[in-house]
Amino acid sequence: MVSEKAGYLIEFFSHLMTERERRARQHVVATVKATGRPYSPSHAAVRTDCQFLSHDPEVLSLLSEGVDAFIERTAQRILDEHPDTVTFNNCPRCGGLARTPRAKQCRFCKFDWHDTRPS
């Protein structure tokens, strides 16, 4: 299972992915949509004419160990190469990771840290 932080990085910092990583992610999404099943490196997509499916061996090699391993490796690379760019939006009360970088309410403890209006 993909860690919460890795999923967060792939979702909200995808602009820091390499072109090959982006194409691998597109390949996974297109395969899942075409087959209606979870991605597996061993199954072939039903629609081979889809522009988002890749036949590039370098792209497919990124997915050879499965989607979870791809996400974890990509997230770690992003963290290693862009430590000053990546920020996690953690709850100031409990430290839980917020759903989005701009969220202002914790999904765990429900603490709300929206700015209060001046009187």
Protein backbone atom coordinates (compact mmCIF):
# COMPACT_ATOMS: atom_id res chain seq x y z
CA MET A 1 0.00 0.00 0.00
CA VAL A 2 1.25 3.46 -0.91
CA SER A 3 2.21 5.68 2.01
CA GLU A 4 0.11 8.76 2.63
CA LYS A 5 3.02 11.11 1.96
CA ALA A 6 3.95 9.38 -1.32
CA GLY A 7 0.38 9.68 -2.60
CA TYR A 8 0.29 13.33 -1.54
CA LEU A 9 3.52 14.06 -3.42
CA ILE A 10 2.36 12.34 -6.61
CA GLU A 11 -1.00 14.11 -6.46
CA PHE A 12 0.11 17.64 -5.60
CA PHE A 13 3.72 17.81 -6.80
CA SER A 14 3.37 15.94 -10.10
CA HIS A 15 4.97 18.93 -11.85
CA LEU A 16 8.24 17.70 -10.32
CA MET A 17 7.94 14.30 -12.02
CA THR A 18 10.19 13.52 -14.98
CA GLU A 19 8.65 13.14 -18.43
CA ARG A 20 9.06 9.35 -18.24
CA GLU A 21 7.38 9.27 -14.82
CA ARG A 22 4.46 11.33 -16.16
CA ARG A 23 4.08 8.97 -19.10
CA ALA A 24 4.18 5.96 -16.76
CA ARG A 25 1.44 7.52 -14.61
CA GLN A 26 -0.65 8.24 -17.72
CA HIS A 27 -0.13 4.64 -18.86
CA VAL A 28 -1.47 3.32 -15.54
CA VAL A 29 -4.55 5.57 -15.63
CA ALA A 30 -5.29 4.72 -19.28
CA THR A 31 -4.90 0.99 -18.65
CA VAL A 32 -7.21 1.07 -15.64
CA LYS A 33 -9.83 3.03 -17.58
CA ALA A 34 -9.57 0.73 -20.60
CA THR A 35 -9.76 -2.53 -18.66
CA GLY A 36 -11.85 -1.53 -15.65
CA ARG A 37 -9.43 -3.49 -13.43
CA PRO A 38 -6.56 -2.51 -11.15
CA TYR A 39 -3.28 -2.08 -12.99
CA SER A 40 -0.99 -5.06 -13.33
CA PRO A 41 2.20 -5.10 -15.41
CA SER A 42 1.19 -8.52 -16.72
CA HIS A 43 -2.17 -7.64 -18.32
CA ALA A 44 -2.52 -6.01 -21.70
CA ALA A 45 -4.81 -3.06 -22.21
CA VAL A 46 -7.98 -3.70 -24.17
CA ARG A 47 -7.63 -0.57 -26.31
CA THR A 48 -4.17 -0.35 -27.82
CA ASP A 49 -5.05 2.74 -29.87
CA CYS A 50 -5.22 4.99 -26.78
CA GLN A 51 -2.72 7.83 -27.04
CA PHE A 52 -1.89 7.59 -23.33
CA LEU A 53 -0.77 3.97 -23.44
CA SER A 54 2.96 3.59 -23.73
CA HIS A 55 4.95 0.94 -25.53
CA ASP A 56 8.24 2.57 -24.53
CA PRO A 57 10.31 -0.04 -22.65
CA GLU A 58 11.87 2.67 -20.44
CA VAL A 59 8.42 3.87 -19.33
CA LEU A 60 7.12 0.34 -18.79
CA SER A 61 10.25 -0.58 -16.80
CA LEU A 62 9.27 2.07 -14.22
CA LEU A 63 6.10 0.01 -13.62
CA SER A 64 7.74 -3.43 -13.66
CA GLU A 65 7.49 -3.83 -9.87
CA GLY A 66 3.93 -2.50 -9.73
CA VAL A 67 2.22 0.83 -9.24
CA ASP A 68 2.86 1.11 -5.49
CA ALA A 69 6.62 0.64 -5.93
CA PHE A 70 6.61 3.18 -8.78
CA ILE A 71 4.79 5.76 -6.64
CA GLU A 72 7.07 5.22 -3.63
CA ARG A 73 10.26 5.47 -5.77
CA THR A 74 9.01 8.55 -7.60
CA ALA A 75 7.95 10.28 -4.38
CA GLN A 76 11.33 9.54 -2.79
CA ARG A 77 13.14 10.92 -5.84
CA ILE A 78 11.05 14.10 -5.68
CA LEU A 79 11.84 14.49 -1.97
CA ASP A 80 15.55 13.88 -2.56
CA GLU A 81 15.87 16.26 -5.52
CA HIS A 82 13.51 19.05 -4.39
CA PRO A 83 13.69 19.27 -0.58
CA ASP A 84 13.15 23.04 -0.60
CA THR A 85 10.16 22.90 -2.97
CA VAL A 86 8.12 20.16 -1.32
CA THR A 87 6.01 21.11 1.69
CA PHE A 88 3.55 19.04 3.65
CA ASN A 89 0.45 20.70 5.07
CA ASN A 90 0.27 19.18 8.53
CA CYS A 91 -2.34 20.01 11.15
CA PRO A 92 -0.90 22.38 13.76
CA ARG A 93 -2.76 20.50 16.51
CA CYS A 94 -2.32 16.77 15.80
CA GLY A 95 0.28 16.77 13.02
CA GLY A 96 -1.89 14.78 10.62
CA LEU A 97 -1.38 15.35 6.89
CA ALA A 98 -4.15 17.53 5.44
CA ARG A 99 -5.95 16.38 2.29
CA THR A 100 -4.47 19.15 0.14
CA PRO A 101 -1.67 21.70 0.39
CA ARG A 102 -4.25 24.48 0.92
CA ALA A 103 -6.61 22.71 3.33
CA LYS A 104 -7.29 24.51 6.60
CA GLN A 105 -9.21 21.83 8.48
CA CYS A 106 -7.80 18.56 9.75
CA ARG A 107 -9.50 15.40 8.52
CA PHE A 108 -8.35 13.56 11.64
CA CYS A 109 -8.97 15.79 14.66
CA LYS A 110 -11.26 18.29 12.82
CA PHE A 111 -9.18 21.26 14.03
CA ASP A 112 -9.83 24.35 11.90
CA TRP A 113 -6.96 26.79 11.30
CA HIS A 114 -8.62 29.22 8.88
CA ASP A 115 -7.61 32.80 9.53
CA THR A 116 -10.08 34.57 11.73
CA ARG A 117 -11.64 37.81 10.50
CA PRO A 118 -10.31 40.95 12.16
CA SER A 119 -12.80 42.71 14.44
